Amino acid sequence: MDEHPNRDPFVMSKGMKFPKDDHFITGKLRAALRENRYEAKEAQCVLRLVRDEDTVIELGAGIGFMSTLVATRRNIKNVFAFEANPALIPYIESVHSANRLSNAHVTHGLLGKRNGSTNFYVRENLLASSMDPHEDDTEANTQKVKVDVLNASHVFKEIQPTILIADIEGAEAALLPHLDLTGLRGAMIELHPQHIGPEGVNAVFRAMMDAGLAYYSRGSTHKVVCFRRAW
């Protein structure tokens, strides 16, 4: 029997519901959500970009925060989120369900140059999981799993997104220059300069410029960079 029958089963953040689950929503994360600090810079950028009727693609879905934000704050057609961490998929789906979203979709997998598979390291801190092995990974604290890699060009052609959201832990420099981004009206990229270096940062900006998108300073903050086709 529930010892706290009247306890709210959700953490509220910016009007969104996040099911309380100590495995995913830890103390610090719970506080950041409640105080509207979680993904604050990213949310500022995205809400300056996304308009009604947009189709959004998100690479790196996390706990489902950004996909839920755009689906609740804007009358978008759809948001398609891709997440490599298998442990997060059920939680993201529960967030979408809690917020009664029919236009938010999540796929387990990541995008790459061609179809295939790759290793992914699921860690005790789920949000620290990545494709890169760490020196302190052990069988006790890390699970190595195979994740499907989907052909990014085919996915973009099928979805035809107008807005891109990407937080893919350094893969942005390798992936974005190989995509046809000309159909985008805007993009929010979280850069990881510690992984990609100045050459990688320049590669991301060049890919945006080649697609006709310009750096949008009003939506950008430090490593969170915003691009728009028109201001």
Protein backbone atom coordinates (compact mmCIF):
# COMPACT_ATOMS: atom_id res chain seq x y z
CA MET A 1 0.00 0.00 0.00
CA ASP A 2 1.23 3.50 -0.82
CA GLU A 3 2.36 5.16 2.43
CA HIS A 4 1.69 8.58 0.85
CA PRO A 5 -1.60 8.20 -1.08
CA ASN A 6 -1.93 11.96 -1.67
CA ARG A 7 1.61 12.43 -2.89
CA ASP A 8 1.81 13.98 -6.35
CA PRO A 9 3.30 11.34 -8.66
CA PHE A 10 4.86 13.99 -10.89
CA VAL A 11 7.57 16.62 -10.78
CA MET A 12 6.32 19.74 -12.50
CA SER A 13 8.55 21.88 -14.71
CA LYS A 14 7.40 24.68 -17.02
CA GLY A 15 3.91 23.23 -16.87
CA MET A 16 5.09 19.75 -17.87
CA LYS A 17 4.72 16.52 -15.89
CA PHE A 18 7.68 14.23 -15.22
CA PRO A 19 6.87 10.98 -13.43
CA LYS A 20 8.73 10.60 -10.16
CA ASP A 21 11.20 7.78 -10.60
CA ASP A 22 14.33 7.85 -8.46
CA HIS A 23 16.19 5.83 -11.06
CA PHE A 24 15.88 8.68 -13.56
CA ILE A 25 14.91 11.81 -11.61
CA THR A 26 17.60 12.15 -8.95
CA GLY A 27 17.71 14.81 -6.23
CA LYS A 28 19.67 17.44 -8.17
CA LEU A 29 17.73 16.82 -11.36
CA ARG A 30 14.44 16.96 -9.47
CA ALA A 31 15.38 20.34 -7.99
CA ALA A 32 16.48 21.68 -11.37
CA LEU A 33 13.17 20.65 -12.90
CA ARG A 34 11.08 22.16 -10.11
CA GLU A 35 13.03 25.43 -10.23
CA ASN A 36 12.81 25.57 -14.04
CA ARG A 37 16.61 25.47 -14.31
CA TYR A 38 16.84 22.20 -16.20
CA GLU A 39 17.77 22.74 -19.88
CA ALA A 40 16.99 26.44 -19.39
CA LYS A 41 19.39 27.69 -22.07
CA GLU A 42 18.24 25.04 -24.52
CA ALA A 43 14.58 25.84 -23.84
CA GLN A 44 15.19 29.54 -24.42
CA CYS A 45 16.75 28.80 -27.79
CA VAL A 46 14.16 26.26 -28.91
CA LEU A 47 11.17 28.40 -28.00
CA ARG A 48 12.62 31.18 -30.14
CA LEU A 49 12.82 28.76 -33.06
CA VAL A 50 9.80 26.49 -33.03
CA ARG A 51 6.52 27.67 -34.51
CA ASP A 52 3.11 26.12 -35.01
CA GLU A 53 3.04 23.55 -37.81
CA ASP A 54 6.77 22.76 -37.53
CA THR A 55 8.08 19.22 -37.76
CA VAL A 56 10.89 18.77 -35.25
CA ILE A 57 13.65 16.17 -35.16
CA GLU A 58 15.59 15.71 -31.92
CA LEU A 59 18.87 13.83 -31.74
CA GLY A 60 19.57 12.85 -28.14
CA ALA A 61 16.24 12.84 -26.29
CA GLY A 62 17.50 12.61 -22.68
CA ILE A 63 14.52 12.36 -20.32
CA GLY A 64 12.11 13.66 -22.95
CA PHE A 65 12.27 17.27 -21.79
CA MET A 66 12.76 19.05 -25.12
CA SER A 67 10.35 16.89 -27.12
CA THR A 68 7.67 17.46 -24.49
CA LEU A 69 8.40 21.19 -24.35
CA VAL A 70 7.94 21.79 -28.07
CA ALA A 71 4.87 19.54 -28.22
CA THR A 72 3.15 21.33 -25.34
CA ARG A 73 4.19 24.93 -26.04
CA ARG A 74 3.63 24.93 -29.81
CA ASN A 75 1.00 23.42 -32.07
CA ILE A 76 3.58 21.44 -34.01
CA LYS A 77 2.82 18.67 -36.48
CA ASN A 78 5.19 16.18 -34.85
CA VAL A 79 8.42 15.84 -32.93
CA PHE A 80 10.54 12.78 -33.67
CA ALA A 81 13.12 12.08 -30.96
CA PHE A 82 15.99 9.61 -31.27
CA GLU A 83 17.76 8.28 -28.20
CA ALA A 84 20.60 5.75 -28.07
CA ASN A 85 20.26 4.81 -24.39
CA PRO A 86 17.80 1.90 -24.16
CA ALA A 87 17.26 2.51 -20.46
CA LEU A 88 15.72 5.93 -21.15
CA ILE A 89 13.15 4.88 -23.76
CA PRO A 90 10.40 3.68 -21.35
CA TYR A 91 10.81 6.81 -19.23
CA ILE A 92 10.58 9.14 -22.24
CA GLU A 93 7.43 7.32 -23.33
CA SER A 94 5.99 7.74 -19.82
CA VAL A 95 6.69 11.50 -19.97
CA HIS A 96 4.93 11.81 -23.32
CA SER A 97 2.02 9.78 -21.97
CA ALA A 98 1.78 11.81 -18.74
CA ASN A 99 1.49 14.96 -20.82
CA ARG A 100 -1.07 13.34 -23.14
CA LEU A 101 0.96 13.89 -26.29
CA SER A 102 -0.02 12.20 -29.53
CA ASN A 103 2.47 14.09 -31.70
CA ALA A 104 5.68 13.19 -29.80
CA HIS A 105 7.49 10.02 -30.87
CA VAL A 106 10.70 8.40 -29.65
CA THR A 107 12.88 5.86 -31.45
CA HIS A 108 15.62 3.81 -29.85
CA GLY A 109 18.65 4.33 -32.05
CA LEU A 110 21.05 6.93 -33.29
CA LEU A 111 21.68 8.47 -36.67
CA GLY A 112 24.82 7.93 -38.68
CA LYS A 113 26.16 7.96 -42.22
CA ARG A 114 24.82 4.48 -42.95
CA ASN A 115 22.74 1.70 -41.39
CA GLY A 116 24.53 -0.53 -38.91
CA SER A 117 25.12 -0.85 -35.18
CA THR A 118 27.53 0.45 -32.57
CA ASN A 119 28.42 -0.06 -28.93
CA PHE A 120 26.73 2.07 -26.29
CA TYR A 121 27.79 2.21 -22.63
CA VAL A 122 24.91 2.44 -20.15
CA ARG A 123 26.15 3.74 -16.80
CA GLU A 124 24.67 3.99 -13.31
CA ASN A 125 24.25 7.70 -13.97
CA LEU A 126 22.05 7.19 -17.01
CA LEU A 127 22.58 10.71 -18.32
CA ALA A 128 26.35 10.05 -18.35
CA SER A 129 25.93 7.11 -20.73
CA SER A 130 27.60 7.46 -24.11
CA MET A 131 29.15 5.73 -27.12
CA ASP A 132 32.63 6.30 -25.73
CA PRO A 133 34.15 3.91 -23.14
CA HIS A 134 35.55 5.44 -19.94
CA GLU A 135 38.61 4.31 -18.03
CA ASP A 136 36.54 3.62 -14.92
CA ASP A 137 33.93 1.49 -16.71
CA THR A 138 33.54 -1.94 -15.10
CA GLU A 139 31.08 -4.79 -15.49
CA ALA A 140 29.57 -3.73 -12.18
CA ASN A 141 28.80 -0.11 -13.10
CA THR A 142 28.53 -0.17 -16.90
CA GLN A 143 26.54 -2.25 -19.35
CA LYS A 144 27.75 -2.41 -22.95
CA VAL A 145 24.87 -2.80 -25.40
CA LYS A 146 24.49 -2.76 -29.16
CA VAL A 147 22.45 0.10 -30.61
CA ASP A 148 21.06 0.37 -34.13
CA VAL A 149 22.52 3.10 -36.30
CA LEU A 150 20.00 4.51 -38.77
CA ASN A 151 20.93 6.14 -42.05
CA ALA A 152 20.57 9.83 -41.20
CA SER A 153 20.02 10.98 -44.77
CA HIS A 154 17.15 8.52 -45.21
CA VAL A 155 15.59 9.56 -41.88
CA PHE A 156 15.75 13.26 -42.76
CA LYS A 157 14.24 12.59 -46.19
CA GLU A 158 11.38 10.61 -44.63
CA ILE A 159 10.61 13.02 -41.77
CA GLN A 160 11.36 16.27 -43.64
CA PRO A 161 12.00 18.25 -40.44
CA THR A 162 11.86 22.03 -40.32
CA ILE A 163 13.62 22.28 -36.94
CA LEU A 164 16.62 20.31 -35.65
CA ILE A 165 17.50 19.86 -31.97
CA ALA A 166 20.78 18.06 -31.34
CA ASP A 167 22.65 17.12 -28.18
CA ILE A 168 24.70 14.13 -29.26
CA GLU A 169 27.85 14.30 -27.13
CA GLY A 170 30.35 15.35 -29.77
CA ALA A 171 28.93 13.44 -32.75
CA GLU A 172 27.59 16.72 -34.14
CA ALA A 173 30.85 17.50 -35.93
CA ALA A 174 30.97 14.17 -37.75
CA LEU A 175 27.27 13.87 -38.59
CA LEU A 176 25.89 17.29 -39.52
CA PRO A 177 28.26 18.10 -42.42
CA HIS A 178 27.08 14.93 -44.20
CA LEU A 179 23.37 15.78 -44.06
CA ASP A 180 21.14 17.78 -46.37
CA LEU A 181 19.97 20.45 -43.95
CA THR A 182 18.50 22.78 -46.57
CA GLY A 183 14.94 21.93 -45.51
CA LEU A 184 15.50 23.31 -42.01
CA ARG A 185 14.15 26.68 -40.91
CA GLY A 186 16.16 26.58 -37.71
CA ALA A 187 18.42 24.47 -35.51
CA MET A 188 19.61 24.29 -31.91
CA ILE A 189 22.92 22.49 -31.42
CA GLU A 190 24.58 21.87 -28.08
CA LEU A 191 28.27 21.93 -28.92
CA HIS A 192 30.83 19.78 -27.12
CA PRO A 193 34.08 21.63 -27.86
CA GLN A 194 35.94 19.52 -25.30
CA HIS A 195 35.35 16.56 -27.63
CA ILE A 196 35.33 18.08 -31.12
CA GLY A 197 37.87 20.90 -30.76
CA PRO A 198 37.95 24.08 -32.86
CA GLU A 199 37.91 22.12 -36.12
CA GLY A 200 34.71 20.38 -35.09
CA VAL A 201 33.06 23.62 -33.99
CA ASN A 202 33.92 25.16 -37.36
CA ALA A 203 32.55 22.08 -39.14
CA VAL A 204 29.19 22.52 -37.41
CA PHE A 205 28.99 26.23 -38.26
CA ARG A 206 30.05 25.53 -41.85
CA ALA A 207 27.32 22.89 -42.21
CA MET A 208 24.74 25.40 -41.02
CA MET A 209 26.05 28.12 -43.32
CA ASP A 210 26.06 25.77 -46.30
CA ALA A 211 22.40 25.01 -45.58
CA GLY A 212 21.54 28.73 -45.57
CA LEU A 213 21.23 29.03 -41.79
CA ALA A 214 22.87 31.87 -39.88
CA TYR A 215 24.03 32.09 -36.27
CA TYR A 216 21.23 33.59 -34.18
CA SER A 217 22.75 35.32 -31.18
CA ARG A 218 19.49 36.09 -29.33
CA GLY A 219 18.81 32.40 -28.85
CA SER A 220 22.40 31.30 -28.23
CA THR A 221 24.20 30.96 -24.90
CA HIS A 222 27.75 29.67 -24.59
CA LYS A 223 27.78 26.08 -25.96
CA VAL A 224 24.10 26.18 -26.90
CA VAL A 225 24.05 27.68 -30.39
CA CYS A 226 20.97 28.67 -32.31
CA PHE A 227 20.65 29.02 -36.09
CA ARG A 228 17.84 30.51 -38.16
CA ARG A 229 17.19 30.91 -41.85
CA ALA A 230 15.73 34.36 -41.31
CA TRP A 231 15.58 36.69 -38.32
